Amino acid sequence: MFNIAKADGRLVVTFPERMDTLACEQHAHRIDEEVSQAQEPVTFDLAGVIYVSSSFLRICLRTAQAAGQDRFAMANVAPEVRKVFKIAGLESCLAIR
């Protein structure tokens, strides 16, 4: 389930199981709006996410750029999703926990 909330001094974004192109199109605008207004660091909580498309990779990069590289992190990243970031060459430039 998609949700944006503030918790522990962070803006935490949770996602549905599949972040395919359609889901990214549905949620990208709200993510961009919330991140641009956020004063706190941003965390993408990927607990339960089993699929990400290239559209989601773009959202992650755009969010990291908007929030600041040191103020963006991803948490609870499943091994199969982490592998996508690694293959795309993004594992080293995005904070993945």
N, C-alpha and C. Protein backbone atom coordinates (compact mmCIF):
# COMPACT_ATOMS: atom_id res chain seq x y z
N MET A 1 0.84 -1.18 0.00
CA MET A 1 0.00 0.00 0.00
C MET A 1 0.88 1.24 0.00
N PHE A 2 0.58 2.18 -0.85
CA PHE A 2 1.33 3.43 -0.95
C PHE A 2 0.93 4.36 0.19
N ASN A 3 1.95 4.94 0.85
CA ASN A 3 1.67 5.85 1.94
C ASN A 3 2.87 6.78 2.12
N ILE A 4 2.59 8.01 2.49
CA ILE A 4 3.63 8.97 2.84
C ILE A 4 3.30 9.49 4.23
N ALA A 5 4.26 9.37 5.14
CA ALA A 5 4.04 9.82 6.52
C ALA A 5 5.35 10.32 7.11
N LYS A 6 5.24 11.12 8.16
CA LYS A 6 6.41 11.57 8.89
C LYS A 6 6.56 10.68 10.12
N ALA A 7 7.78 10.17 10.30
CA ALA A 7 8.06 9.31 11.45
C ALA A 7 9.53 9.45 11.83
N ASP A 8 9.78 9.59 13.10
CA ASP A 8 11.15 9.67 13.62
C ASP A 8 12.00 10.72 12.90
N GLY A 9 11.40 11.86 12.62
CA GLY A 9 12.13 12.95 11.99
C GLY A 9 12.45 12.73 10.52
N ARG A 10 11.73 11.81 9.88
CA ARG A 10 11.95 11.52 8.47
C ARG A 10 10.62 11.50 7.73
N LEU A 11 10.66 11.75 6.45
CA LEU A 11 9.52 11.55 5.58
C LEU A 11 9.66 10.13 5.05
N VAL A 12 8.72 9.26 5.40
CA VAL A 12 8.81 7.85 5.04
C VAL A 12 7.75 7.53 3.99
N VAL A 13 8.20 6.98 2.88
CA VAL A 13 7.31 6.60 1.78
C VAL A 13 7.30 5.08 1.69
N THR A 14 6.11 4.50 1.78
CA THR A 14 5.97 3.05 1.62
C THR A 14 5.25 2.77 0.30
N PHE A 15 5.52 1.61 -0.24
CA PHE A 15 5.08 1.29 -1.60
C PHE A 15 4.33 -0.03 -1.65
N PRO A 16 3.52 -0.21 -2.72
CA PRO A 16 2.85 -1.50 -2.92
C PRO A 16 3.87 -2.56 -3.36
N GLU A 17 3.42 -3.77 -3.43
CA GLU A 17 4.27 -4.92 -3.77
C GLU A 17 4.97 -4.76 -5.12
N ARG A 18 4.27 -4.20 -6.08
CA ARG A 18 4.82 -4.03 -7.42
C ARG A 18 4.87 -2.55 -7.79
N MET A 19 6.06 -2.06 -8.03
CA MET A 19 6.23 -0.69 -8.50
C MET A 19 6.54 -0.74 -9.99
N ASP A 20 5.53 -1.13 -10.75
CA ASP A 20 5.65 -1.18 -12.20
C ASP A 20 5.42 0.21 -12.76
N THR A 21 5.46 0.33 -14.07
CA THR A 21 5.32 1.65 -14.71
C THR A 21 4.00 2.32 -14.35
N LEU A 22 2.92 1.57 -14.34
CA LEU A 22 1.61 2.14 -14.01
C LEU A 22 1.59 2.68 -12.58
N ALA A 23 2.09 1.91 -11.63
CA ALA A 23 2.12 2.37 -10.23
C ALA A 23 3.00 3.60 -10.09
N CYS A 24 4.11 3.63 -10.80
CA CYS A 24 5.00 4.80 -10.74
C CYS A 24 4.29 6.04 -11.27
N GLU A 25 3.57 5.89 -12.37
CA GLU A 25 2.83 7.02 -12.93
C GLU A 25 1.78 7.53 -11.95
N GLN A 26 1.16 6.62 -11.22
CA GLN A 26 0.12 7.01 -10.27
C GLN A 26 0.69 7.78 -9.08
N HIS A 27 1.90 7.46 -8.65
CA HIS A 27 2.42 8.01 -7.40
C HIS A 27 3.54 9.04 -7.56
N ALA A 28 4.14 9.15 -8.73
CA ALA A 28 5.31 10.01 -8.91
C ALA A 28 5.04 11.47 -8.56
N HIS A 29 3.92 12.00 -9.00
CA HIS A 29 3.63 13.41 -8.76
C HIS A 29 3.52 13.71 -7.26
N ARG A 30 2.83 12.85 -6.53
CA ARG A 30 2.68 13.08 -5.08
C ARG A 30 4.03 12.98 -4.37
N ILE A 31 4.83 12.00 -4.78
CA ILE A 31 6.17 11.87 -4.18
C ILE A 31 6.96 13.14 -4.42
N ASP A 32 6.98 13.61 -5.66
CA ASP A 32 7.73 14.83 -6.00
C ASP A 32 7.25 16.02 -5.17
N GLU A 33 5.94 16.18 -5.03
CA GLU A 33 5.39 17.28 -4.24
C GLU A 33 5.81 17.21 -2.78
N GLU A 34 5.65 16.04 -2.19
CA GLU A 34 5.97 15.87 -0.76
C GLU A 34 7.46 16.08 -0.50
N VAL A 35 8.30 15.54 -1.37
CA VAL A 35 9.74 15.67 -1.19
C VAL A 35 10.18 17.12 -1.34
N SER A 36 9.60 17.82 -2.30
CA SER A 36 9.99 19.22 -2.50
C SER A 36 9.61 20.10 -1.31
N GLN A 37 8.59 19.72 -0.57
CA GLN A 37 8.15 20.49 0.60
C GLN A 37 8.77 20.00 1.90
N ALA A 38 9.38 18.83 1.88
CA ALA A 38 9.90 18.22 3.10
C ALA A 38 11.13 18.94 3.61
N GLN A 39 11.17 19.14 4.90
CA GLN A 39 12.35 19.70 5.56
C GLN A 39 13.22 18.59 6.13
N GLU A 40 12.64 17.40 6.27
CA GLU A 40 13.34 16.29 6.88
C GLU A 40 13.89 15.35 5.81
N PRO A 41 14.82 14.47 6.21
CA PRO A 41 15.35 13.47 5.27
C PRO A 41 14.23 12.54 4.79
N VAL A 42 14.46 11.88 3.67
CA VAL A 42 13.46 11.02 3.04
C VAL A 42 13.93 9.58 3.04
N THR A 43 13.04 8.67 3.43
CA THR A 43 13.32 7.24 3.38
C THR A 43 12.25 6.56 2.56
N PHE A 44 12.68 5.78 1.59
CA PHE A 44 11.77 4.89 0.86
C PHE A 44 11.82 3.55 1.57
N ASP A 45 10.72 3.14 2.18
CA ASP A 45 10.63 1.85 2.85
C ASP A 45 10.07 0.85 1.85
N LEU A 46 10.93 -0.08 1.42
CA LEU A 46 10.54 -1.04 0.38
C LEU A 46 10.15 -2.40 0.95
N ALA A 47 9.78 -2.44 2.22
CA ALA A 47 9.33 -3.70 2.82
C ALA A 47 8.14 -4.23 2.03
N GLY A 48 8.23 -5.45 1.56
CA GLY A 48 7.14 -6.06 0.81
C GLY A 48 7.19 -5.81 -0.69
N VAL A 49 8.07 -4.93 -1.15
CA VAL A 49 8.19 -4.66 -2.58
C VAL A 49 9.00 -5.79 -3.22
N ILE A 50 8.41 -6.42 -4.25
CA ILE A 50 9.11 -7.53 -4.90
C ILE A 50 9.47 -7.24 -6.36
N TYR A 51 8.96 -6.12 -6.89
CA TYR A 51 9.24 -5.78 -8.28
C TYR A 51 9.35 -4.27 -8.43
N VAL A 52 10.39 -3.82 -9.14
CA VAL A 52 10.53 -2.40 -9.47
C VAL A 52 10.87 -2.28 -10.95
N SER A 53 10.27 -1.30 -11.59
CA SER A 53 10.54 -1.05 -13.00
C SER A 53 11.59 0.05 -13.13
N SER A 54 12.01 0.31 -14.35
CA SER A 54 12.97 1.39 -14.58
C SER A 54 12.36 2.74 -14.20
N SER A 55 11.05 2.85 -14.27
CA SER A 55 10.38 4.09 -13.83
C SER A 55 10.63 4.34 -12.35
N PHE A 56 10.65 3.28 -11.56
CA PHE A 56 10.90 3.44 -10.14
C PHE A 56 12.35 3.85 -9.89
N LEU A 57 13.26 3.34 -10.68
CA LEU A 57 14.66 3.76 -10.55
C LEU A 57 14.78 5.26 -10.79
N ARG A 58 14.06 5.77 -11.78
CA ARG A 58 14.07 7.21 -12.06
C ARG A 58 13.49 8.00 -10.89
N ILE A 59 12.42 7.49 -10.28
CA ILE A 59 11.84 8.16 -9.11
C ILE A 59 12.87 8.23 -7.99
N CYS A 60 13.59 7.15 -7.77
CA CYS A 60 14.62 7.12 -6.72
C CYS A 60 15.71 8.14 -7.00
N LEU A 61 16.19 8.19 -8.23
CA LEU A 61 17.23 9.14 -8.58
C LEU A 61 16.75 10.58 -8.45
N ARG A 62 15.55 10.84 -8.92
CA ARG A 62 14.99 12.19 -8.84
C ARG A 62 14.80 12.61 -7.38
N THR A 63 14.35 11.68 -6.55
CA THR A 63 14.14 11.97 -5.13
C THR A 63 15.47 12.23 -4.43
N ALA A 64 16.48 11.41 -4.74
CA ALA A 64 17.80 11.60 -4.14
C ALA A 64 18.37 12.97 -4.52
N GLN A 65 18.14 13.37 -5.74
CA GLN A 65 18.62 14.68 -6.19
C GLN A 65 17.86 15.81 -5.50
N ALA A 66 16.54 15.67 -5.40
CA ALA A 66 15.72 16.73 -4.79
C ALA A 66 15.97 16.84 -3.28
N ALA A 67 16.06 15.71 -2.61
CA ALA A 67 16.23 15.73 -1.15
C ALA A 67 17.68 16.00 -0.76
N GLY A 68 18.59 15.62 -1.63
CA GLY A 68 20.01 15.69 -1.32
C GLY A 68 20.51 14.27 -1.10
N GLN A 69 21.60 13.94 -1.73
CA GLN A 69 22.13 12.57 -1.69
C GLN A 69 22.28 12.04 -0.27
N ASP A 70 22.71 12.90 0.65
CA ASP A 70 22.92 12.48 2.03
C ASP A 70 21.64 12.50 2.86
N ARG A 71 20.52 12.92 2.27
CA ARG A 71 19.24 12.99 2.99
C ARG A 71 18.21 12.02 2.39
N PHE A 72 18.68 11.06 1.61
CA PHE A 72 17.79 10.07 1.00
C PHE A 72 18.35 8.68 1.25
N ALA A 73 17.46 7.77 1.66
CA ALA A 73 17.87 6.39 1.88
C ALA A 73 16.71 5.46 1.54
N MET A 74 17.06 4.21 1.25
CA MET A 74 16.06 3.17 1.05
C MET A 74 16.27 2.11 2.11
N ALA A 75 15.18 1.66 2.70
CA ALA A 75 15.26 0.67 3.77
C ALA A 75 14.44 -0.56 3.41
N ASN A 76 14.79 -1.68 4.03
CA ASN A 76 14.07 -2.94 3.87
C ASN A 76 13.99 -3.38 2.41
N VAL A 77 15.12 -3.29 1.73
CA VAL A 77 15.19 -3.64 0.32
C VAL A 77 15.44 -5.14 0.18
N ALA A 78 14.50 -5.83 -0.47
CA ALA A 78 14.62 -7.27 -0.67
C ALA A 78 15.79 -7.58 -1.61
N PRO A 79 16.40 -8.75 -1.47
CA PRO A 79 17.54 -9.11 -2.32
C PRO A 79 17.25 -9.00 -3.82
N GLU A 80 16.06 -9.41 -4.25
CA GLU A 80 15.76 -9.36 -5.68
C GLU A 80 15.62 -7.92 -6.18
N VAL A 81 15.19 -7.02 -5.32
CA VAL A 81 15.09 -5.61 -5.68
C VAL A 81 16.47 -4.97 -5.64
N ARG A 82 17.25 -5.31 -4.64
CA ARG A 82 18.62 -4.80 -4.53
C ARG A 82 19.42 -5.17 -5.78
N LYS A 83 19.17 -6.36 -6.30
CA LYS A 83 19.87 -6.82 -7.49
C LYS A 83 19.58 -5.91 -8.69
N VAL A 84 18.36 -5.41 -8.81
CA VAL A 84 18.00 -4.50 -9.89
C VAL A 84 18.82 -3.22 -9.78
N PHE A 85 18.95 -2.68 -8.58
CA PHE A 85 19.75 -1.47 -8.39
C PHE A 85 21.22 -1.74 -8.71
N LYS A 86 21.71 -2.91 -8.34
CA LYS A 86 23.10 -3.27 -8.61
C LYS A 86 23.34 -3.39 -10.12
N ILE A 87 22.45 -4.08 -10.83
CA ILE A 87 22.59 -4.25 -12.27
C ILE A 87 22.55 -2.89 -12.98
N ALA A 88 21.71 -1.98 -12.48
CA ALA A 88 21.59 -0.65 -13.06
C ALA A 88 22.77 0.25 -12.70
N GLY A 89 23.65 -0.23 -11.82
CA GLY A 89 24.80 0.56 -11.40
C GLY A 89 24.47 1.64 -10.39
N LEU A 90 23.37 1.48 -9.69
CA LEU A 90 22.91 2.52 -8.75
C LEU A 90 23.17 2.16 -7.29
N GLU A 91 23.60 0.95 -7.04
CA GLU A 91 23.77 0.51 -5.66
C GLU A 91 24.81 1.37 -4.92
N SER A 92 25.83 1.81 -5.61
CA SER A 92 26.88 2.59 -4.95
C SER A 92 26.53 4.07 -4.79
N CYS A 93 25.58 4.58 -5.58
CA CYS A 93 25.28 6.01 -5.49
C CYS A 93 24.00 6.29 -4.71
N LEU A 94 23.25 5.27 -4.32
CA LEU A 94 22.06 5.44 -3.49
C LEU A 94 22.26 4.70 -2.18
N ALA A 95 21.84 5.29 -1.08
CA ALA A 95 21.96 4.65 0.23
C ALA A 95 20.89 3.57 0.36
N ILE A 96 21.33 2.31 0.26
CA ILE A 96 20.41 1.18 0.34
C ILE A 96 20.74 0.41 1.60
N ARG A 97 19.75 0.30 2.49
CA ARG A 97 19.95 -0.42 3.75
C ARG A 97 19.23 -1.74 3.73
